[in-house]
Amino acid sequence: MAELQAKIAKQIDYYFGDSNMLRDNFLKGLVEKDNGWVPISTLVTFNRLKELSTDVAAIAAAVTAANNERLEVSEDVLKIRRSPKFPLPSQPVINKRSIYAKGFPLDSTTIDTVQKYFADKGYNVSAVTLRMFHAKDKDNGFKGSVFVELSTPEEAAKLVSEKHLIGEQELLVETKEGYTERKKNERDAAKKARRSKPEGDDGAGPAEAAEGAEGAGDGRFEIKKVAGCILAIAGLKDDTVREDIKEALAPYGEAAWVDFQRGDTEGFVRFKETGSAQKAVDASAATPINVKGAVATVRLVSGAEEDEYWQQLFDDRKKTKAARGGRGG
């Protein structure tokens, strides 16, 4: 009984913990409705808690027994909230105490096994995120890598300084900040390489949008500048694809091109008509734009930044046309 109570309290603490509260839009919406209080009857619909218990009274008792300063149980023992004494930190603060680890078994790794692995080494694990891949017409799958949030930046630094094995497999371990910077550099290098190869449809910059839908012949690579149609978008998941972005922005206008590669977390969208980008920005102020479960931030690209974007687009078009021998006439 005591073991089950501990598991329940730990799961509730995870739901109201720093990492989950920052990214769980559904839970954040509930928190905003009633001064932070969330009905336990709603929490028991969450899969991991439902596996442990659906007894509202038992869950309230478990949280009370845990004596966790971050959690409060309402007087009627029907609701739980994160104590106002513990304001949410910013994402950069959490990143400083988080690590990335790769090399876990693809078929047997769970949040619990990762938590136990690092807890057995003496680390205070606040949260674990299994990194999954999502593909159309395929089952979702575990990538073999995780993000682990620890109690302090010092604990994260200690963890990455040590060697970690799963059987004979050594884990690749680095700080989350280091991982993020490494992946950004890799994506930047890949973008640069793609733009230096005009042939093919392999994501070689926005010129590859080149209005192919307009047909072959002289007009195939013609691009007309349309003012006020470029939207910058950020805050995307790293498994987002162009179609996800197009689908999310479809209510605001038709996209001529999405300048984005899988693995990126930000990019640009070029709409076909003036006003569509601003429409998306205006709408996002009232209703957040959700792209594959992530709340995206958007802004209108204007002024010098807009001029630079179009110049890069035209430069890429010229390179593509020259590489193909100036075909089209």
Protein backbone atom coordinates (compact mmCIF):
# COMPACT_ATOMS: atom_id res chain seq x y z
CA MET A 1 0.00 0.00 0.00
CA ALA A 2 2.79 2.40 0.95
CA GLU A 3 4.58 1.62 -2.33
CA LEU A 4 1.44 2.36 -4.36
CA GLN A 5 0.90 5.62 -2.46
CA ALA A 6 4.45 6.67 -3.24
CA LYS A 7 3.98 5.92 -6.94
CA ILE A 8 0.73 7.91 -7.04
CA ALA A 9 2.31 10.90 -5.30
CA LYS A 10 5.31 10.76 -7.63
CA GLN A 11 3.06 10.72 -10.71
CA ILE A 12 1.02 13.69 -9.47
CA ASP A 13 4.25 15.54 -8.73
CA TYR A 14 5.34 14.87 -12.31
CA TYR A 15 2.12 16.29 -13.73
CA PHE A 16 2.57 19.52 -11.74
CA GLY A 17 6.35 19.56 -12.14
CA ASP A 18 8.33 22.21 -13.99
CA SER A 19 8.93 20.38 -17.27
CA ASN A 20 5.44 18.99 -17.73
CA MET A 21 3.63 22.18 -16.74
CA LEU A 22 5.58 24.17 -19.31
CA ARG A 23 4.64 21.92 -22.22
CA ASP A 24 1.28 20.38 -21.24
CA ASN A 25 -1.19 22.81 -22.81
CA PHE A 26 -4.22 20.83 -21.69
CA LEU A 27 -3.17 20.88 -18.03
CA LYS A 28 -2.19 24.56 -18.25
CA GLY A 29 -5.67 25.31 -19.52
CA LEU A 30 -7.20 23.55 -16.52
CA VAL A 31 -4.92 25.37 -14.09
CA GLU A 32 -5.99 28.74 -15.47
CA LYS A 33 -9.69 28.07 -14.84
CA ASP A 34 -9.84 27.72 -11.04
CA ASN A 35 -6.96 29.47 -9.32
CA GLY A 36 -4.67 26.56 -10.08
CA TRP A 37 -6.96 23.81 -8.81
CA VAL A 38 -7.47 20.73 -10.99
CA PRO A 39 -10.20 18.16 -10.20
CA ILE A 40 -8.75 14.77 -9.30
CA SER A 41 -11.62 13.30 -11.33
CA THR A 42 -9.93 14.86 -14.38
CA LEU A 43 -6.43 13.75 -13.41
CA VAL A 44 -7.56 10.11 -13.23
CA THR A 45 -8.29 10.23 -16.95
CA PHE A 46 -4.53 10.61 -17.56
CA ASN A 47 -3.14 7.25 -18.63
CA ARG A 48 -0.23 6.81 -16.23
CA LEU A 49 -2.27 7.79 -13.16
CA LYS A 50 -5.21 5.69 -14.34
CA GLU A 51 -2.92 2.65 -14.36
CA LEU A 52 -2.14 3.26 -10.68
CA SER A 53 -5.56 4.29 -9.33
CA THR A 54 -8.84 5.95 -10.20
CA ASP A 55 -9.92 6.32 -6.56
CA VAL A 56 -10.19 10.07 -5.91
CA ALA A 57 -9.97 9.69 -2.12
CA ALA A 58 -6.96 7.38 -2.33
CA ILE A 59 -5.13 9.78 -4.65
CA ALA A 60 -5.83 12.75 -2.33
CA ALA A 61 -4.58 10.69 0.61
CA ALA A 62 -1.41 9.70 -1.23
CA VAL A 63 -0.55 13.32 -2.06
CA THR A 64 -1.27 14.42 1.51
CA ALA A 65 0.89 11.63 2.95
CA ALA A 66 3.79 12.57 0.67
CA ASN A 67 4.00 15.96 2.41
CA ASN A 68 5.24 17.54 -0.84
CA GLU A 69 5.50 21.31 -0.39
CA ARG A 70 4.89 21.83 -4.12
CA LEU A 71 1.46 20.19 -4.03
CA GLU A 72 -1.74 21.22 -2.23
CA VAL A 73 -4.96 19.26 -1.73
CA SER A 74 -8.21 21.23 -1.45
CA GLU A 75 -10.22 21.20 1.76
CA ASP A 76 -12.90 19.06 0.14
CA VAL A 77 -10.10 16.67 -1.00
CA LEU A 78 -11.46 16.72 -4.54
CA LYS A 79 -8.81 18.91 -6.18
CA ILE A 80 -5.03 19.29 -6.36
CA ARG A 81 -2.90 22.24 -7.39
CA ARG A 82 0.70 23.33 -7.62
CA SER A 83 1.37 25.65 -4.71
CA PRO A 84 1.55 29.34 -5.64
CA LYS A 85 4.77 29.41 -3.60
CA PHE A 86 6.43 27.59 -6.49
CA PRO A 87 6.15 29.75 -9.63
CA LEU A 88 7.11 28.07 -12.88
CA PRO A 89 10.70 28.67 -14.01
CA SER A 90 11.48 29.53 -17.62
CA GLN A 91 12.46 26.85 -20.13
CA PRO A 92 16.12 28.00 -20.27
CA VAL A 93 16.36 27.49 -16.50
CA ILE A 94 15.09 23.91 -16.85
CA ASN A 95 17.44 23.26 -19.77
CA LYS A 96 20.43 24.15 -17.59
CA ARG A 97 19.61 21.27 -15.24
CA SER A 98 18.65 18.78 -17.95
CA ILE A 99 20.71 16.26 -19.91
CA TYR A 100 20.41 14.31 -23.16
CA ALA A 101 21.32 10.63 -23.22
CA LYS A 102 21.34 8.24 -26.18
CA GLY A 103 21.88 4.49 -26.38
CA PHE A 104 18.94 3.01 -24.48
CA PRO A 105 17.38 -0.24 -25.77
CA LEU A 106 14.69 0.45 -28.37
CA ASP A 107 12.34 -2.31 -27.28
CA SER A 108 12.40 -2.27 -23.48
CA THR A 109 12.99 1.30 -22.33
CA THR A 110 10.27 3.05 -20.34
CA ILE A 111 10.12 6.24 -18.31
CA ASP A 112 10.32 4.09 -15.18
CA THR A 113 13.44 2.20 -16.29
CA VAL A 114 15.25 5.44 -17.13
CA GLN A 115 14.24 6.99 -13.81
CA LYS A 116 15.48 3.90 -11.96
CA TYR A 117 18.75 3.77 -13.92
CA PHE A 118 19.79 7.27 -12.89
CA ALA A 119 18.18 7.13 -9.41
CA ASP A 120 20.22 4.00 -8.66
CA LYS A 121 23.31 6.08 -9.44
CA GLY A 122 22.27 8.61 -6.83
CA TYR A 123 20.73 11.28 -9.07
CA ASN A 124 17.55 13.19 -8.21
CA VAL A 125 15.41 12.75 -11.33
CA SER A 126 12.57 15.25 -11.68
CA ALA A 127 11.30 14.20 -15.10
CA VAL A 128 12.10 11.92 -18.03
CA THR A 129 11.05 12.43 -21.64
CA LEU A 130 11.39 9.53 -24.06
CA ARG A 131 12.18 10.88 -27.52
CA MET A 132 9.84 9.31 -30.08
CA PHE A 133 9.68 9.38 -33.85
CA HIS A 134 6.36 9.82 -35.62
CA ALA A 135 5.83 8.76 -39.20
CA LYS A 136 2.72 8.59 -41.33
CA ASP A 137 1.54 5.06 -42.08
CA LYS A 138 3.96 3.70 -39.45
CA ASP A 139 3.78 3.01 -35.75
CA ASN A 140 5.42 5.53 -33.45
CA GLY A 141 8.73 4.36 -32.07
CA PHE A 142 11.38 5.14 -29.47
CA LYS A 143 14.52 6.81 -30.84
CA GLY A 144 16.77 5.36 -28.14
CA SER A 145 17.39 8.77 -26.57
CA VAL A 146 15.93 10.69 -23.63
CA PHE A 147 15.91 14.04 -21.92
CA VAL A 148 16.29 13.88 -18.15
CA GLU A 149 15.59 16.81 -15.84
CA LEU A 150 17.63 16.81 -12.62
CA SER A 151 17.44 18.92 -9.48
CA THR A 152 20.24 21.41 -10.21
CA PRO A 153 22.64 22.47 -13.01
CA GLU A 154 25.49 21.15 -10.86
CA GLU A 155 23.93 17.70 -10.75
CA ALA A 156 23.49 17.75 -14.52
CA ALA A 157 27.16 18.74 -14.98
CA LYS A 158 28.25 15.89 -12.69
CA LEU A 159 26.16 13.37 -14.60
CA VAL A 160 27.59 14.27 -18.01
CA SER A 161 31.15 14.12 -16.64
CA GLU A 162 30.76 10.44 -15.78
CA LYS A 163 30.67 7.29 -17.89
CA HIS A 164 27.32 5.50 -18.16
CA LEU A 165 26.78 1.97 -19.49
CA ILE A 166 23.69 -0.05 -20.43
CA GLY A 167 25.18 -3.51 -20.42
CA GLU A 168 28.25 -3.07 -22.61
CA GLN A 169 26.70 -0.11 -24.48
CA GLU A 170 28.12 3.25 -23.44
CA LEU A 171 25.58 6.04 -23.46
CA LEU A 172 26.21 9.27 -25.33
CA VAL A 173 25.53 11.87 -22.64
CA GLU A 174 25.64 15.67 -22.84
CA THR A 175 23.86 18.64 -21.33
CA LYS A 176 20.59 19.56 -23.00
CA GLU A 177 22.05 22.97 -23.83
CA GLY A 178 25.03 21.26 -25.46
CA TYR A 179 22.77 18.92 -27.39
CA THR A 180 20.59 21.79 -28.61
CA GLU A 181 23.62 23.77 -29.77
CA ARG A 182 25.15 20.72 -31.50
CA LYS A 183 21.94 19.94 -33.38
CA LYS A 184 21.56 23.58 -34.41
CA ASN A 185 25.08 23.59 -35.83
CA GLU A 186 24.39 20.33 -37.67
CA ARG A 187 21.16 21.70 -39.16
CA ASP A 188 22.84 24.95 -40.18
CA ALA A 189 25.61 23.00 -41.90
CA ALA A 190 23.07 20.78 -43.63
CA LYS A 191 21.11 23.79 -44.85
CA LYS A 192 24.26 25.35 -46.22
CA ALA A 193 25.15 22.12 -48.00
CA ARG A 194 21.65 21.79 -49.47
CA ARG A 195 21.71 25.31 -50.81
CA SER A 196 25.00 24.62 -52.53
CA LYS A 197 23.36 21.72 -54.44
CA PRO A 198 20.64 23.14 -56.64
CA GLU A 199 19.79 19.87 -58.35
CA GLY A 200 16.98 17.75 -56.98
CA ASP A 201 14.13 18.23 -54.57
CA ASP A 202 16.18 17.68 -51.45
CA GLY A 203 15.24 20.79 -49.55
CA ALA A 204 17.71 23.06 -51.34
CA GLY A 205 16.43 26.33 -49.94
CA PRO A 206 13.31 28.28 -50.81
CA ALA A 207 14.19 28.48 -54.49
CA GLU A 208 13.16 24.86 -54.78
CA ALA A 209 9.62 26.14 -54.23
CA ALA A 210 10.08 27.94 -57.56
CA GLU A 211 6.41 27.85 -58.29
CA GLY A 212 6.64 24.46 -59.98
CA ALA A 213 2.89 24.27 -59.79
CA GLU A 214 2.69 27.01 -62.39
CA GLY A 215 3.86 24.55 -64.99
CA ALA A 216 6.96 23.91 -67.06
CA GLY A 217 8.50 26.29 -69.57
CA ASP A 218 9.54 29.89 -68.98
CA GLY A 219 7.40 30.32 -65.89
CA ARG A 220 8.70 27.32 -63.98
CA PHE A 221 11.30 29.21 -61.99
CA GLU A 222 9.60 32.60 -61.97
CA ILE A 223 8.85 33.99 -58.52
CA LYS A 224 6.96 37.20 -58.03
CA LYS A 225 7.62 39.23 -54.92
CA VAL A 226 4.50 39.63 -52.83
CA ALA A 227 4.87 42.08 -49.94
CA GLY A 228 3.64 41.05 -46.48
CA CYS A 229 3.34 37.34 -47.18
CA ILE A 230 6.28 35.95 -45.15
CA LEU A 231 5.59 34.45 -41.73
CA ALA A 232 8.29 33.39 -39.27
CA ILE A 233 7.25 30.42 -37.13
CA ALA A 234 9.02 28.94 -34.10
CA GLY A 235 8.45 26.62 -31.14
CA LEU A 236 7.94 23.52 -33.30
CA LYS A 237 8.68 19.94 -32.33
CA ASP A 238 11.75 18.39 -33.94
CA ASP A 239 9.63 15.72 -35.65
CA THR A 240 7.39 18.27 -37.36
CA VAL A 241 7.13 18.07 -41.15
CA ARG A 242 6.08 20.70 -43.70
CA GLU A 243 2.60 19.27 -44.10
CA ASP A 244 1.94 19.73 -40.38
CA ILE A 245 2.74 23.43 -40.69
CA LYS A 246 0.66 23.85 -43.84
CA GLU A 247 -2.30 22.16 -42.18
CA ALA A 248 -2.10 24.36 -39.07
CA LEU A 249 -1.88 27.57 -41.12
CA ALA A 250 -4.45 26.64 -43.77
CA PRO A 251 -7.24 28.70 -42.13
CA TYR A 252 -5.24 31.87 -42.78
CA GLY A 253 -4.26 31.34 -46.40
CA GLU A 254 -2.61 29.01 -48.89
CA ALA A 255 1.13 28.50 -48.43
CA ALA A 256 3.26 28.82 -51.55
CA TRP A 257 6.26 27.35 -49.72
CA VAL A 258 7.34 26.24 -46.26
CA ASP A 259 11.06 26.91 -45.76
CA PHE A 260 11.61 24.25 -43.11
CA GLN A 261 13.41 20.94 -42.68
CA ARG A 262 12.49 18.08 -40.37
CA GLY A 263 14.60 18.39 -37.23
CA ASP A 264 14.33 22.19 -37.15
CA THR A 265 12.19 23.95 -34.55
CA GLU A 266 11.64 27.13 -36.55
CA GLY A 267 11.28 28.23 -40.16
CA PHE A 268 9.46 30.51 -42.59
CA VAL A 269 6.19 30.24 -44.47
CA ARG A 270 5.61 32.14 -47.71
CA PHE A 271 1.92 32.62 -48.39
CA LYS A 272 0.55 33.17 -51.87
CA GLU A 273 -1.39 36.30 -50.96
CA THR A 274 -0.66 39.51 -49.09
CA GLY A 275 -2.38 39.66 -45.73
CA SER A 276 -2.34 35.93 -44.95
CA ALA A 277 0.73 36.19 -42.71
CA GLN A 278 -0.73 39.10 -40.75
CA LYS A 279 -4.01 37.21 -40.45
CA ALA A 280 -2.15 34.32 -38.79
CA VAL A 281 -0.36 36.70 -36.41
CA ASP A 282 -3.61 38.43 -35.43
CA ALA A 283 -5.41 35.12 -34.90
CA SER A 284 -2.60 33.73 -32.72
CA ALA A 285 -3.10 36.56 -30.23
CA ALA A 286 -6.55 35.19 -29.41
CA THR A 287 -6.13 31.49 -30.16
CA PRO A 288 -2.67 29.85 -30.05
CA ILE A 289 -1.63 28.11 -33.26
CA ASN A 290 -1.12 24.43 -32.52
CA VAL A 291 1.26 22.50 -34.76
CA LYS A 292 1.39 18.79 -33.98
CA GLY A 293 0.75 19.35 -30.29
CA ALA A 294 3.12 22.31 -29.88
CA VAL A 295 2.03 25.91 -29.48
CA ALA A 296 3.87 27.82 -32.20
CA THR A 297 4.90 31.46 -32.02
CA VAL A 298 4.49 33.45 -35.22
CA ARG A 299 5.44 36.92 -36.40
CA LEU A 300 5.25 38.89 -39.61
CA VAL A 301 8.55 39.24 -41.47
CA SER A 302 8.87 42.84 -42.56
CA GLY A 303 11.32 45.65 -43.30
CA ALA A 304 14.97 44.76 -43.84
CA GLU A 305 14.42 41.14 -42.82
CA GLU A 306 11.74 40.76 -45.49
CA ASP A 307 14.03 42.32 -48.13
CA GLU A 308 16.84 39.94 -47.15
CA TYR A 309 14.52 36.95 -47.40
CA TRP A 310 13.40 37.85 -50.93
CA GLN A 311 16.97 38.58 -52.00
CA GLN A 312 18.07 35.16 -50.79
CA LEU A 313 15.13 33.61 -52.61
CA PHE A 314 16.03 35.31 -55.89
CA ASP A 315 19.71 34.42 -55.48
CA ASP A 316 18.81 30.76 -54.97
CA ARG A 317 16.55 30.87 -58.02
CA LYS A 318 19.39 32.21 -60.16
CA LYS A 319 21.75 29.48 -58.95
CA THR A 320 19.18 26.80 -59.65
CA LYS A 321 18.45 28.15 -63.13
CA ALA A 322 22.16 28.46 -63.96
CA ALA A 323 22.91 24.96 -62.72
CA ARG A 324 20.23 23.56 -65.01
CA GLY A 325 21.74 25.30 -67.97
CA GLY A 326 19.23 28.12 -68.05
CA ARG A 327 16.55 25.77 -69.31
CA GLY A 328 13.07 27.03 -69.75
CA GLY A 329 13.10 28.69 -73.17
